Amino acid sequence: MQQQQQQQQQQKTNSELRSALGRVYLQAGQLDQAEAHLAAVAADPSAPEPTKALNAAFLASARGDWDKAGELLRGLLVVQDDVNYAVRQFYSFVCQLNTLFFSFFGFPGC
């Protein structure tokens, strides 16, 4: 029983580390490396679904797919967990960028 709990904790830690590493690669502009780590988290059944969705939103943003990023983040706004605060902050940031960009060209934002 204790060994099973240790394995679950190790898997959780692994997905948390891979998420963090994937996000660092995103910030560095290395999408291929980021995608590899974030795909491993997405395939991990022990990783929390909100973490997977937030990772997908970050990746969509890095690719410039603002519609998908917004959709993923709006879906996370109803989730009440530790990720929620970060989601709200990131969504606010995306909306500000979206509004700024599209107002420049005469289109509505979020």
N, C-alpha and C. Protein backbone atom coordinates (compact mmCIF):
# COMPACT_ATOMS: atom_id res chain seq x y z
N MET A 1 0.82 -1.19 0.00
CA MET A 1 0.00 0.00 0.00
C MET A 1 0.87 1.27 0.00
N GLN A 2 1.88 1.27 0.85
CA GLN A 2 2.76 2.43 0.95
C GLN A 2 3.55 2.63 -0.35
N GLN A 3 3.93 1.53 -0.97
CA GLN A 3 4.66 1.62 -2.23
C GLN A 3 3.79 2.24 -3.32
N GLN A 4 2.53 1.90 -3.34
CA GLN A 4 1.59 2.47 -4.31
C GLN A 4 1.44 3.98 -4.09
N GLN A 5 1.36 4.40 -2.84
CA GLN A 5 1.26 5.82 -2.53
C GLN A 5 2.53 6.56 -2.96
N GLN A 6 3.67 5.94 -2.77
CA GLN A 6 4.93 6.55 -3.18
C GLN A 6 4.99 6.69 -4.70
N GLN A 7 4.50 5.68 -5.42
CA GLN A 7 4.47 5.75 -6.88
C GLN A 7 3.56 6.87 -7.35
N GLN A 8 2.39 7.00 -6.72
CA GLN A 8 1.46 8.06 -7.10
C GLN A 8 2.07 9.42 -6.83
N GLN A 9 2.74 9.58 -5.71
CA GLN A 9 3.39 10.85 -5.38
C GLN A 9 4.50 11.15 -6.38
N GLN A 10 5.26 10.13 -6.76
CA GLN A 10 6.33 10.33 -7.72
C GLN A 10 5.77 10.73 -9.08
N GLN A 11 4.67 10.11 -9.51
CA GLN A 11 4.04 10.48 -10.77
C GLN A 11 3.54 11.92 -10.72
N LYS A 12 2.94 12.31 -9.59
CA LYS A 12 2.44 13.67 -9.45
C LYS A 12 3.59 14.66 -9.55
N THR A 13 4.67 14.38 -8.84
CA THR A 13 5.85 15.24 -8.87
C THR A 13 6.42 15.31 -10.28
N ASN A 14 6.45 14.17 -10.96
CA ASN A 14 6.97 14.13 -12.32
C ASN A 14 6.14 15.03 -13.24
N SER A 15 4.82 14.96 -13.14
CA SER A 15 3.99 15.80 -14.02
C SER A 15 4.12 17.27 -13.66
N GLU A 16 4.29 17.58 -12.37
CA GLU A 16 4.49 18.97 -11.96
C GLU A 16 5.81 19.51 -12.51
N LEU A 17 6.86 18.69 -12.42
CA LEU A 17 8.16 19.10 -12.94
C LEU A 17 8.13 19.26 -14.45
N ARG A 18 7.48 18.31 -15.13
CA ARG A 18 7.39 18.41 -16.59
C ARG A 18 6.58 19.64 -17.01
N SER A 19 5.51 19.96 -16.26
CA SER A 19 4.73 21.17 -16.57
C SER A 19 5.61 22.40 -16.42
N ALA A 20 6.33 22.47 -15.32
CA ALA A 20 7.20 23.63 -15.07
C ALA A 20 8.28 23.74 -16.15
N LEU A 21 8.88 22.61 -16.48
CA LEU A 21 9.94 22.62 -17.50
C LEU A 21 9.37 23.01 -18.86
N GLY A 22 8.19 22.48 -19.18
CA GLY A 22 7.55 22.85 -20.45
C GLY A 22 7.26 24.34 -20.52
N ARG A 23 6.84 24.92 -19.42
CA ARG A 23 6.54 26.36 -19.40
C ARG A 23 7.81 27.19 -19.53
N VAL A 24 8.90 26.71 -18.94
CA VAL A 24 10.18 27.40 -19.09
C VAL A 24 10.61 27.37 -20.56
N TYR A 25 10.46 26.22 -21.20
CA TYR A 25 10.80 26.14 -22.62
C TYR A 25 9.91 27.06 -23.45
N LEU A 26 8.64 27.19 -23.08
CA LEU A 26 7.76 28.12 -23.79
C LEU A 26 8.29 29.55 -23.68
N GLN A 27 8.67 29.93 -22.46
CA GLN A 27 9.18 31.27 -22.25
C GLN A 27 10.48 31.51 -23.03
N ALA A 28 11.23 30.45 -23.22
CA ALA A 28 12.48 30.56 -23.98
C ALA A 28 12.25 30.49 -25.48
N GLY A 29 11.01 30.26 -25.88
CA GLY A 29 10.69 30.19 -27.30
C GLY A 29 11.02 28.86 -27.95
N GLN A 30 11.27 27.84 -27.15
CA GLN A 30 11.61 26.52 -27.68
C GLN A 30 10.36 25.64 -27.67
N LEU A 31 9.51 25.85 -28.68
CA LEU A 31 8.21 25.17 -28.71
C LEU A 31 8.32 23.66 -28.82
N ASP A 32 9.29 23.16 -29.57
CA ASP A 32 9.43 21.71 -29.71
C ASP A 32 9.71 21.04 -28.36
N GLN A 33 10.63 21.63 -27.60
CA GLN A 33 10.95 21.09 -26.28
C GLN A 33 9.75 21.20 -25.35
N ALA A 34 9.08 22.34 -25.39
CA ALA A 34 7.90 22.55 -24.54
C ALA A 34 6.81 21.54 -24.87
N GLU A 35 6.55 21.36 -26.15
CA GLU A 35 5.51 20.42 -26.57
C GLU A 35 5.80 19.01 -26.09
N ALA A 36 7.06 18.60 -26.11
CA ALA A 36 7.42 17.25 -25.67
C ALA A 36 7.07 17.05 -24.19
N HIS A 37 7.41 18.01 -23.36
CA HIS A 37 7.13 17.89 -21.92
C HIS A 37 5.63 18.02 -21.63
N LEU A 38 4.98 18.97 -22.28
CA LEU A 38 3.56 19.17 -22.02
C LEU A 38 2.72 18.02 -22.57
N ALA A 39 3.18 17.38 -23.63
CA ALA A 39 2.47 16.20 -24.15
C ALA A 39 2.58 15.04 -23.16
N ALA A 40 3.73 14.91 -22.52
CA ALA A 40 3.90 13.85 -21.51
C ALA A 40 2.95 14.08 -20.34
N VAL A 41 2.78 15.33 -19.94
CA VAL A 41 1.84 15.65 -18.85
C VAL A 41 0.42 15.34 -19.29
N ALA A 42 0.07 15.72 -20.52
CA ALA A 42 -1.28 15.48 -21.03
C ALA A 42 -1.61 13.99 -21.07
N ALA A 43 -0.60 13.17 -21.30
CA ALA A 43 -0.81 11.72 -21.38
C ALA A 43 -0.77 11.04 -20.02
N ASP A 44 -0.40 11.77 -18.98
CA ASP A 44 -0.28 11.21 -17.63
C ASP A 44 -1.64 11.19 -16.94
N PRO A 45 -2.20 10.01 -16.68
CA PRO A 45 -3.53 9.95 -16.05
C PRO A 45 -3.56 10.49 -14.63
N SER A 46 -2.40 10.59 -13.98
CA SER A 46 -2.38 11.10 -12.60
C SER A 46 -2.29 12.63 -12.54
N ALA A 47 -1.98 13.27 -13.65
CA ALA A 47 -1.87 14.73 -13.67
C ALA A 47 -3.27 15.34 -13.60
N PRO A 48 -3.44 16.40 -12.80
CA PRO A 48 -4.76 17.03 -12.68
C PRO A 48 -5.23 17.63 -14.01
N GLU A 49 -6.50 17.47 -14.29
CA GLU A 49 -7.06 17.99 -15.55
C GLU A 49 -6.88 19.51 -15.68
N PRO A 50 -7.07 20.29 -14.60
CA PRO A 50 -6.84 21.74 -14.75
C PRO A 50 -5.40 22.08 -15.15
N THR A 51 -4.44 21.31 -14.66
CA THR A 51 -3.05 21.53 -15.05
C THR A 51 -2.85 21.24 -16.53
N LYS A 52 -3.46 20.16 -16.99
CA LYS A 52 -3.36 19.81 -18.41
C LYS A 52 -3.97 20.91 -19.28
N ALA A 53 -5.13 21.41 -18.86
CA ALA A 53 -5.81 22.46 -19.63
C ALA A 53 -5.01 23.76 -19.62
N LEU A 54 -4.44 24.11 -18.48
CA LEU A 54 -3.64 25.33 -18.40
C LEU A 54 -2.39 25.21 -19.27
N ASN A 55 -1.76 24.04 -19.26
CA ASN A 55 -0.61 23.82 -20.14
C ASN A 55 -1.02 23.98 -21.61
N ALA A 56 -2.16 23.42 -21.97
CA ALA A 56 -2.64 23.53 -23.35
C ALA A 56 -2.93 24.99 -23.71
N ALA A 57 -3.44 25.76 -22.74
CA ALA A 57 -3.70 27.18 -22.98
C ALA A 57 -2.40 27.95 -23.20
N PHE A 58 -1.39 27.65 -22.40
CA PHE A 58 -0.08 28.29 -22.58
C PHE A 58 0.49 27.96 -23.96
N LEU A 59 0.39 26.71 -24.35
CA LEU A 59 0.92 26.28 -25.64
C LEU A 59 0.16 26.94 -26.79
N ALA A 60 -1.17 27.00 -26.67
CA ALA A 60 -1.98 27.66 -27.70
C ALA A 60 -1.59 29.14 -27.82
N SER A 61 -1.35 29.78 -26.69
CA SER A 61 -0.93 31.19 -26.70
C SER A 61 0.41 31.35 -27.40
N ALA A 62 1.33 30.45 -27.10
CA ALA A 62 2.66 30.52 -27.73
C ALA A 62 2.56 30.34 -29.24
N ARG A 63 1.59 29.57 -29.67
CA ARG A 63 1.39 29.36 -31.11
C ARG A 63 0.59 30.49 -31.75
N GLY A 64 0.06 31.40 -30.92
CA GLY A 64 -0.75 32.49 -31.44
C GLY A 64 -2.20 32.12 -31.66
N ASP A 65 -2.62 30.98 -31.13
CA ASP A 65 -4.02 30.54 -31.26
C ASP A 65 -4.81 31.08 -30.07
N TRP A 66 -5.11 32.39 -30.13
CA TRP A 66 -5.75 33.08 -29.02
C TRP A 66 -7.16 32.58 -28.76
N ASP A 67 -7.88 32.18 -29.81
CA ASP A 67 -9.24 31.66 -29.62
C ASP A 67 -9.22 30.39 -28.77
N LYS A 68 -8.32 29.47 -29.11
CA LYS A 68 -8.23 28.23 -28.34
C LYS A 68 -7.77 28.50 -26.91
N ALA A 69 -6.79 29.39 -26.76
CA ALA A 69 -6.30 29.72 -25.41
C ALA A 69 -7.44 30.31 -24.58
N GLY A 70 -8.20 31.22 -25.16
CA GLY A 70 -9.32 31.83 -24.45
C GLY A 70 -10.37 30.81 -24.07
N GLU A 71 -10.66 29.90 -24.99
CA GLU A 71 -11.66 28.86 -24.72
C GLU A 71 -11.22 27.96 -23.55
N LEU A 72 -9.97 27.55 -23.58
CA LEU A 72 -9.45 26.71 -22.50
C LEU A 72 -9.46 27.44 -21.16
N LEU A 73 -9.07 28.71 -21.18
CA LEU A 73 -9.02 29.47 -19.94
C LEU A 73 -10.42 29.76 -19.39
N ARG A 74 -11.36 30.07 -20.29
CA ARG A 74 -12.74 30.28 -19.83
C ARG A 74 -13.29 29.01 -19.19
N GLY A 75 -12.94 27.85 -19.72
CA GLY A 75 -13.37 26.59 -19.13
C GLY A 75 -12.79 26.37 -17.75
N LEU A 76 -11.59 26.89 -17.52
CA LEU A 76 -10.96 26.72 -16.22
C LEU A 76 -11.46 27.70 -15.17
N LEU A 77 -12.10 28.76 -15.60
CA LEU A 77 -12.55 29.76 -14.63
C LEU A 77 -13.58 29.20 -13.65
N VAL A 78 -14.29 28.15 -14.04
CA VAL A 78 -15.30 27.58 -13.16
C VAL A 78 -14.70 26.55 -12.20
N VAL A 79 -13.46 26.14 -12.43
CA VAL A 79 -12.80 25.15 -11.59
C VAL A 79 -12.28 25.85 -10.33
N GLN A 80 -12.61 25.30 -9.19
CA GLN A 80 -12.15 25.87 -7.92
C GLN A 80 -11.00 25.03 -7.38
N ASP A 81 -9.79 25.43 -7.66
CA ASP A 81 -8.61 24.76 -7.13
C ASP A 81 -7.44 25.73 -7.10
N ASP A 82 -6.27 25.22 -6.82
CA ASP A 82 -5.09 26.07 -6.69
C ASP A 82 -4.70 26.75 -8.00
N VAL A 83 -5.08 26.17 -9.11
CA VAL A 83 -4.71 26.72 -10.42
C VAL A 83 -5.58 27.94 -10.76
N ASN A 84 -6.73 28.04 -10.13
CA ASN A 84 -7.72 29.04 -10.51
C ASN A 84 -7.18 30.47 -10.49
N TYR A 85 -6.43 30.85 -9.48
CA TYR A 85 -5.90 32.20 -9.41
C TYR A 85 -4.98 32.48 -10.60
N ALA A 86 -4.10 31.54 -10.90
CA ALA A 86 -3.20 31.71 -12.04
C ALA A 86 -3.98 31.81 -13.34
N VAL A 87 -5.04 31.04 -13.46
CA VAL A 87 -5.86 31.07 -14.67
C VAL A 87 -6.49 32.44 -14.84
N ARG A 88 -7.05 32.96 -13.77
CA ARG A 88 -7.68 34.28 -13.84
C ARG A 88 -6.67 35.35 -14.25
N GLN A 89 -5.48 35.29 -13.69
CA GLN A 89 -4.45 36.25 -14.03
C GLN A 89 -4.01 36.12 -15.49
N PHE A 90 -3.82 34.89 -15.92
CA PHE A 90 -3.39 34.67 -17.30
C PHE A 90 -4.48 35.08 -18.28
N TYR A 91 -5.73 34.73 -17.97
CA TYR A 91 -6.85 35.10 -18.85
C TYR A 91 -6.96 36.62 -18.94
N SER A 92 -6.78 37.30 -17.83
CA SER A 92 -6.82 38.76 -17.83
C SER A 92 -5.73 39.31 -18.74
N PHE A 93 -4.54 38.73 -18.64
CA PHE A 93 -3.42 39.15 -19.48
C PHE A 93 -3.72 38.92 -20.96
N VAL A 94 -4.27 37.74 -21.29
CA VAL A 94 -4.61 37.42 -22.68
C VAL A 94 -5.66 38.40 -23.20
N CYS A 95 -6.65 38.70 -22.38
CA CYS A 95 -7.69 39.65 -22.80
C CYS A 95 -7.12 41.03 -23.04
N GLN A 96 -6.20 41.45 -22.18
CA GLN A 96 -5.59 42.76 -22.37
C GLN A 96 -4.80 42.81 -23.67
N LEU A 97 -4.03 41.76 -23.93
CA LEU A 97 -3.29 41.71 -25.20
C LEU A 97 -4.24 41.68 -26.39
N ASN A 98 -5.27 40.87 -26.27
CA ASN A 98 -6.25 40.74 -27.34
C ASN A 98 -6.92 42.10 -27.60
N THR A 99 -7.34 42.77 -26.55
CA THR A 99 -8.01 44.06 -26.68
C THR A 99 -7.06 45.09 -27.28
N LEU A 100 -5.84 45.12 -26.79
CA LEU A 100 -4.85 46.06 -27.31
C LEU A 100 -4.58 45.82 -28.78
N PHE A 101 -4.36 44.57 -29.14
CA PHE A 101 -4.05 44.22 -30.52
C PHE A 101 -5.21 44.54 -31.45
N PHE A 102 -6.40 44.07 -31.07
CA PHE A 102 -7.54 44.25 -31.96
C PHE A 102 -8.07 45.68 -31.96
N SER A 103 -7.90 46.42 -30.87
CA SER A 103 -8.35 47.81 -30.89
C SER A 103 -7.47 48.62 -31.82
N PHE A 104 -6.23 48.23 -31.95
CA PHE A 104 -5.32 48.88 -32.88
C PHE A 104 -5.83 48.78 -34.32
N PHE A 105 -6.43 47.60 -34.61
CA PHE A 105 -6.94 47.36 -35.96
C PHE A 105 -8.44 47.60 -36.06
N GLY A 106 -9.05 48.07 -34.98
CA GLY A 106 -10.47 48.44 -35.03
C GLY A 106 -11.43 47.27 -34.76
N PHE A 107 -10.95 46.21 -34.12
CA PHE A 107 -11.82 45.07 -33.80
C PHE A 107 -12.06 45.03 -32.29
N PRO A 108 -13.18 44.45 -31.86
CA PRO A 108 -13.44 44.33 -30.41
C PRO A 108 -12.53 43.27 -29.78
N GLY A 109 -12.24 43.42 -28.51
CA GLY A 109 -11.44 42.45 -27.76
C GLY A 109 -12.31 41.41 -27.09
N CYS A 110 -11.87 40.93 -25.90
CA CYS A 110 -12.59 39.91 -25.15
C CYS A 110 -13.97 40.36 -24.74
